[in-house]
């Protein structure tokens, strides 16, 4: 399988929800997991839904949680405005590094490798990895706890590098990856 064949398979689902299953080894900690991704979700609508949820939670929140919610709210507003203009968020750490080439598929401009992206529907750990302790400060830890319950926190990108991606199923068809 090459990127053009994957693009073709993914393009068959443009305009509707589509599910991609991938067995993937995480680069940082070596965990092997099977992901079920929904690549047909409208990203802006998901962010807008999360913004509504965060805004509602702010009405009841106090202290650290309110502060974390306010930072998330500001970030969501910035992202939504940028995406409506057809741009990437100025806060996005990979800004300008890739170009979308299809439904849920993008190519990294620096080395022309590809990544598949979507919202995690299910994740099954097949082989646990070696996880480092998280040393985040209290505000970042609180934002991460909140994001776990938002669609935004379920968005994942999987690199289609040999050695990390083991298999991909698109619309019920198993796609094989081979070195080119």
C-alpha atoms as a PDB file:
ATOM      1  CA  UNK A   1       0.000   0.000   0.000  1.00  0.00           C
ATOM      2  CA  UNK A   2       1.214   3.458  -0.750  1.00  0.00           C
ATOM      3  CA  UNK A   3      -0.118   6.862   0.252  1.00  0.00           C
ATOM      4  CA  UNK A   4      -2.006   7.331  -3.037  1.00  0.00           C
ATOM      5  CA  UNK A   5      -3.944   4.076  -2.467  1.00  0.00           C
ATOM      6  CA  UNK A   6      -4.733   5.077   1.123  1.00  0.00           C
ATOM      7  CA  UNK A   7      -5.868   8.518  -0.066  1.00  0.00           C
ATOM      8  CA  UNK A   8      -8.173   6.867  -2.605  1.00  0.00           C
ATOM      9  CA  UNK A   9      -9.693   4.589   0.053  1.00  0.00           C
ATOM     10  CA  UNK A  10     -10.236   7.517   2.439  1.00  0.00           C
ATOM     11  CA  UNK A  11     -11.658   9.762  -0.291  1.00  0.00           C
ATOM     12  CA  UNK A  12     -14.452   7.234  -0.840  1.00  0.00           C
ATOM     13  CA  UNK A  13     -15.911   8.411   2.478  1.00  0.00           C
ATOM     14  CA  UNK A  14     -15.734  12.198   2.008  1.00  0.00           C
ATOM     15  CA  UNK A  15     -18.869  13.923   3.271  1.00  0.00           C
ATOM     16  CA  UNK A  16     -19.932  11.132   5.611  1.00  0.00           C
ATOM     17  CA  UNK A  17     -18.726   9.556   8.784  1.00  0.00           C
ATOM     18  CA  UNK A  18     -16.096   6.941   8.092  1.00  0.00           C
ATOM     19  CA  UNK A  19     -14.212   4.678  10.414  1.00  0.00           C
ATOM     20  CA  UNK A  20     -10.577   3.657  10.176  1.00  0.00           C
ATOM     21  CA  UNK A  21      -9.042   0.956  12.327  1.00  0.00           C
ATOM     22  CA  UNK A  22      -5.288   1.041  12.834  1.00  0.00           C
ATOM     23  CA  UNK A  23      -2.839  -0.988  14.889  1.00  0.00           C
ATOM     24  CA  UNK A  24      -0.149   1.449  15.930  1.00  0.00           C
ATOM     25  CA  UNK A  25       3.013   1.587  18.039  1.00  0.00           C
ATOM     26  CA  UNK A  26       3.377   4.904  19.860  1.00  0.00           C
ATOM     27  CA  UNK A  27       6.681   6.646  19.135  1.00  0.00           C
ATOM     28  CA  UNK A  28       7.299   8.003  22.639  1.00  0.00           C
ATOM     29  CA  UNK A  29       6.475   5.085  24.904  1.00  0.00           C
ATOM     30  CA  UNK A  30       6.226   2.036  22.658  1.00  0.00           C
ATOM     31  CA  UNK A  31       2.620   1.142  23.506  1.00  0.00           C
ATOM     32  CA  UNK A  32       0.927  -0.974  20.840  1.00  0.00           C
ATOM     33  CA  UNK A  33      -2.780  -0.245  20.540  1.00  0.00           C
ATOM     34  CA  UNK A  34      -5.632  -0.782  18.112  1.00  0.00           C
ATOM     35  CA  UNK A  35      -7.441   2.467  17.373  1.00  0.00           C
ATOM     36  CA  UNK A  36     -10.853   2.975  15.852  1.00  0.00           C
ATOM     37  CA  UNK A  37     -10.931   6.511  14.446  1.00  0.00           C
ATOM     38  CA  UNK A  38     -13.883   8.459  13.065  1.00  0.00           C
ATOM     39  CA  UNK A  39     -12.459  10.553  10.241  1.00  0.00           C
ATOM     40  CA  UNK A  40     -15.794  11.925   9.051  1.00  0.00           C
ATOM     41  CA  UNK A  41     -16.451  14.313  11.934  1.00  0.00           C
ATOM     42  CA  UNK A  42     -16.555  18.025  11.143  1.00  0.00           C
ATOM     43  CA  UNK A  43     -13.670  19.397  13.238  1.00  0.00           C
ATOM     44  CA  UNK A  44     -15.125  22.918  13.549  1.00  0.00           C
ATOM     45  CA  UNK A  45     -18.485  21.583  14.744  1.00  0.00           C
ATOM     46  CA  UNK A  46     -16.684  19.405  17.305  1.00  0.00           C
ATOM     47  CA  UNK A  47     -14.785  22.445  18.590  1.00  0.00           C
ATOM     48  CA  UNK A  48     -18.014  24.467  18.735  1.00  0.00           C
ATOM     49  CA  UNK A  49     -19.680  21.694  20.734  1.00  0.00           C
ATOM     50  CA  UNK A  50     -16.724  21.640  23.124  1.00  0.00           C
ATOM     51  CA  UNK A  51     -16.843  25.432  23.454  1.00  0.00           C
ATOM     52  CA  UNK A  52     -20.490  25.213  24.489  1.00  0.00           C
ATOM     53  CA  UNK A  53     -19.650  22.503  27.054  1.00  0.00           C
ATOM     54  CA  UNK A  54     -16.732  24.501  28.480  1.00  0.00           C
ATOM     55  CA  UNK A  55     -18.861  27.663  28.682  1.00  0.00           C
ATOM     56  CA  UNK A  56     -21.596  25.775  30.543  1.00  0.00           C
ATOM     57  CA  UNK A  57     -19.082  24.282  32.995  1.00  0.00           C
ATOM     58  CA  UNK A  58     -17.641  27.746  33.693  1.00  0.00           C
ATOM     59  CA  UNK A  59     -20.960  28.870  35.204  1.00  0.00           C
ATOM     60  CA  UNK A  60     -20.495  26.481  38.140  1.00  0.00           C
ATOM     61  CA  UNK A  61     -16.698  26.293  38.365  1.00  0.00           C
ATOM     62  CA  UNK A  62     -14.462  28.099  40.833  1.00  0.00           C
ATOM     63  CA  UNK A  63     -10.749  28.400  41.537  1.00  0.00           C
ATOM     64  CA  UNK A  64      -8.299  26.315  39.531  1.00  0.00           C
ATOM     65  CA  UNK A  65     -11.015  24.588  37.501  1.00  0.00           C
ATOM     66  CA  UNK A  66     -12.497  27.943  36.419  1.00  0.00           C
ATOM     67  CA  UNK A  67      -9.035  29.190  35.442  1.00  0.00           C
ATOM     68  CA  UNK A  68      -8.387  26.029  33.385  1.00  0.00           C
ATOM     69  CA  UNK A  69     -11.816  26.289  31.727  1.00  0.00           C
ATOM     70  CA  UNK A  70     -11.149  29.942  30.812  1.00  0.00           C
ATOM     71  CA  UNK A  71      -7.844  29.022  29.173  1.00  0.00           C
ATOM     72  CA  UNK A  72      -9.530  26.190  27.251  1.00  0.00           C
ATOM     73  CA  UNK A  73     -12.363  28.514  26.224  1.00  0.00           C
ATOM     74  CA  UNK A  74      -9.872  31.100  24.883  1.00  0.00           C
ATOM     75  CA  UNK A  75      -7.978  28.396  22.981  1.00  0.00           C
ATOM     76  CA  UNK A  76     -11.175  26.957  21.482  1.00  0.00           C
ATOM     77  CA  UNK A  77     -12.318  30.414  20.331  1.00  0.00           C
ATOM     78  CA  UNK A  78      -8.925  31.061  18.705  1.00  0.00           C
ATOM     79  CA  UNK A  79      -9.000  27.661  16.946  1.00  0.00           C
ATOM     80  CA  UNK A  80     -12.586  28.042  15.727  1.00  0.00           C
ATOM     81  CA  UNK A  81     -11.918  31.530  14.335  1.00  0.00           C
ATOM     82  CA  UNK A  82      -8.762  30.357  12.544  1.00  0.00           C
ATOM     83  CA  UNK A  83     -10.465  27.284  11.037  1.00  0.00           C
ATOM     84  CA  UNK A  84     -13.396  29.405   9.815  1.00  0.00           C
ATOM     85  CA  UNK A  85     -10.853  31.550   7.945  1.00  0.00           C
ATOM     86  CA  UNK A  86      -9.348  28.384   6.466  1.00  0.00           C
ATOM     87  CA  UNK A  87      -6.188  28.704   8.574  1.00  0.00           C
ATOM     88  CA  UNK A  88      -4.528  26.703  11.329  1.00  0.00           C
ATOM     89  CA  UNK A  89      -4.706  28.021  14.862  1.00  0.00           C
ATOM     90  CA  UNK A  90      -1.756  30.272  15.730  1.00  0.00           C
ATOM     91  CA  UNK A  91      -1.375  28.174  18.914  1.00  0.00           C
ATOM     92  CA  UNK A  92      -1.025  24.884  16.976  1.00  0.00           C
ATOM     93  CA  UNK A  93       2.441  23.416  17.573  1.00  0.00           C
ATOM     94  CA  UNK A  94       2.602  21.842  14.083  1.00  0.00           C
ATOM     95  CA  UNK A  95       1.411  24.983  12.291  1.00  0.00           C
ATOM     96  CA  UNK A  96       2.610  25.087   8.696  1.00  0.00           C
ATOM     97  CA  UNK A  97       4.301  21.684   8.873  1.00  0.00           C
ATOM     98  CA  UNK A  98       1.752  19.669   6.903  1.00  0.00           C
ATOM     99  CA  UNK A  99      -0.771  19.879   4.109  1.00  0.00           C
ATOM    100  CA  UNK A 100      -4.083  17.986   4.084  1.00  0.00           C
ATOM    101  CA  UNK A 101      -4.366  15.730   1.023  1.00  0.00           C
ATOM    102  CA  UNK A 102      -7.589  13.872   1.722  1.00  0.00           C
ATOM    103  CA  UNK A 103     -10.271  12.954   4.213  1.00  0.00           C
ATOM    104  CA  UNK A 104      -8.329  12.413   7.461  1.00  0.00           C
ATOM    105  CA  UNK A 105      -4.940  12.281   5.713  1.00  0.00           C
ATOM    106  CA  UNK A 106      -2.097  14.803   5.704  1.00  0.00           C
ATOM    107  CA  UNK A 107       1.504  14.908   4.485  1.00  0.00           C
ATOM    108  CA  UNK A 108       4.355  16.383   6.514  1.00  0.00           C
ATOM    109  CA  UNK A 109       6.144  18.925   4.313  1.00  0.00           C
ATOM    110  CA  UNK A 110       9.594  18.481   5.878  1.00  0.00           C
ATOM    111  CA  UNK A 111       9.973  14.811   5.002  1.00  0.00           C
ATOM    112  CA  UNK A 112       6.836  13.905   2.974  1.00  0.00           C
ATOM    113  CA  UNK A 113       5.698  11.277   5.471  1.00  0.00           C
ATOM    114  CA  UNK A 114       1.959  10.931   6.011  1.00  0.00           C
ATOM    115  CA  UNK A 115      -0.335  10.937   9.022  1.00  0.00           C
ATOM    116  CA  UNK A 116      -3.921   9.841   9.496  1.00  0.00           C
ATOM    117  CA  UNK A 117      -6.105  11.807  11.906  1.00  0.00           C
ATOM    118  CA  UNK A 118      -9.522  11.530  13.473  1.00  0.00           C
ATOM    119  CA  UNK A 119     -11.513  11.227  16.664  1.00  0.00           C
ATOM    120  CA  UNK A 120     -10.871   8.130  18.772  1.00  0.00           C
ATOM    121  CA  UNK A 121     -14.002   6.006  19.099  1.00  0.00           C
ATOM    122  CA  UNK A 122     -12.196   3.119  20.784  1.00  0.00           C
ATOM    123  CA  UNK A 123      -8.640   2.313  21.828  1.00  0.00           C
ATOM    124  CA  UNK A 124      -7.539  -1.157  22.888  1.00  0.00           C
ATOM    125  CA  UNK A 125      -4.043  -1.495  24.341  1.00  0.00           C
ATOM    126  CA  UNK A 126      -2.425  -4.673  23.007  1.00  0.00           C
ATOM    127  CA  UNK A 127       1.031  -4.210  24.575  1.00  0.00           C
ATOM    128  CA  UNK A 128       1.542  -1.638  27.340  1.00  0.00           C
ATOM    129  CA  UNK A 129       4.352   0.840  26.870  1.00  0.00           C
ATOM    130  CA  UNK A 130       6.937   2.376  29.167  1.00  0.00           C
ATOM    131  CA  UNK A 131       5.171   5.483  30.424  1.00  0.00           C
ATOM    132  CA  UNK A 132       7.097   8.334  32.014  1.00  0.00           C
ATOM    133  CA  UNK A 133       5.568  10.167  34.975  1.00  0.00           C
ATOM    134  CA  UNK A 134       3.654  13.313  34.033  1.00  0.00           C
ATOM    135  CA  UNK A 135       5.225  16.376  35.616  1.00  0.00           C
ATOM    136  CA  UNK A 136       2.666  19.004  34.581  1.00  0.00           C
ATOM    137  CA  UNK A 137       1.822  21.949  36.778  1.00  0.00           C
ATOM    138  CA  UNK A 138      -1.626  22.166  38.390  1.00  0.00           C
ATOM    139  CA  UNK A 139      -3.245  24.296  35.646  1.00  0.00           C
ATOM    140  CA  UNK A 140      -2.037  22.018  32.816  1.00  0.00           C
ATOM    141  CA  UNK A 141      -3.079  18.910  34.758  1.00  0.00           C
ATOM    142  CA  UNK A 142      -6.560  20.379  35.274  1.00  0.00           C
ATOM    143  CA  UNK A 143      -6.897  21.310  31.587  1.00  0.00           C
ATOM    144  CA  UNK A 144      -5.861  17.770  30.619  1.00  0.00           C
ATOM    145  CA  UNK A 145      -8.489  16.288  32.973  1.00  0.00           C
ATOM    146  CA  UNK A 146     -11.173  18.486  31.403  1.00  0.00           C
ATOM    147  CA  UNK A 147     -10.044  17.781  27.809  1.00  0.00           C
ATOM    148  CA  UNK A 148     -10.395  14.008  28.342  1.00  0.00           C
ATOM    149  CA  UNK A 149     -14.179  14.497  28.375  1.00  0.00           C
ATOM    150  CA  UNK A 150     -14.250  16.766  25.319  1.00  0.00           C
ATOM    151  CA  UNK A 151     -14.202  15.756  21.634  1.00  0.00           C
ATOM    152  CA  UNK A 152     -11.113  17.931  21.259  1.00  0.00           C
ATOM    153  CA  UNK A 153      -9.273  15.660  23.691  1.00  0.00           C
ATOM    154  CA  UNK A 154     -10.147  12.591  21.611  1.00  0.00           C
ATOM    155  CA  UNK A 155      -8.535  13.878  18.403  1.00  0.00           C
ATOM    156  CA  UNK A 156      -5.476  11.789  17.461  1.00  0.00           C
ATOM    157  CA  UNK A 157      -2.865  11.752  14.758  1.00  0.00           C
ATOM    158  CA  UNK A 158      -1.106   8.497  13.830  1.00  0.00           C
ATOM    159  CA  UNK A 159       2.112   8.600  11.788  1.00  0.00           C
ATOM    160  CA  UNK A 160       2.079   6.229   8.827  1.00  0.00           C
ATOM    161  CA  UNK A 161       5.738   5.332   9.320  1.00  0.00           C
ATOM    162  CA  UNK A 162       6.778   1.736   8.811  1.00  0.00           C
ATOM    163  CA  UNK A 163       7.533   0.306  12.209  1.00  0.00           C
ATOM    164  CA  UNK A 164       4.764   2.331  13.846  1.00  0.00           C
ATOM    165  CA  UNK A 165       1.725   1.559  11.707  1.00  0.00           C
ATOM    166  CA  UNK A 166       1.073  -2.171  11.466  1.00  0.00           C
ATOM    167  CA  UNK A 167      -2.265  -2.416   9.727  1.00  0.00           C
ATOM    168  CA  UNK A 168      -5.081  -0.156   8.601  1.00  0.00           C
ATOM    169  CA  UNK A 169      -8.668  -1.027   7.770  1.00  0.00           C
ATOM    170  CA  UNK A 170     -10.755   1.483   5.840  1.00  0.00           C
ATOM    171  CA  UNK A 171     -14.416   0.773   5.167  1.00  0.00           C
ATOM    172  CA  UNK A 172     -13.864  -2.898   5.989  1.00  0.00           C
ATOM    173  CA  UNK A 173     -10.886  -3.349   3.652  1.00  0.00           C
ATOM    174  CA  UNK A 174      -7.486  -4.190   5.154  1.00  0.00           C
ATOM    175  CA  UNK A 175      -4.672  -2.147   3.640  1.00  0.00           C
ATOM    176  CA  UNK A 176      -1.108  -3.468   3.696  1.00  0.00           C
ATOM    177  CA  UNK A 177       1.889  -1.151   4.083  1.00  0.00           C
ATOM    178  CA  UNK A 178       5.167  -1.883   2.431  1.00  0.00           C
ATOM    179  CA  UNK A 179       8.523  -0.115   2.180  1.00  0.00           C
ATOM    180  CA  UNK A 180       8.888   1.943  -1.003  1.00  0.00           C
END
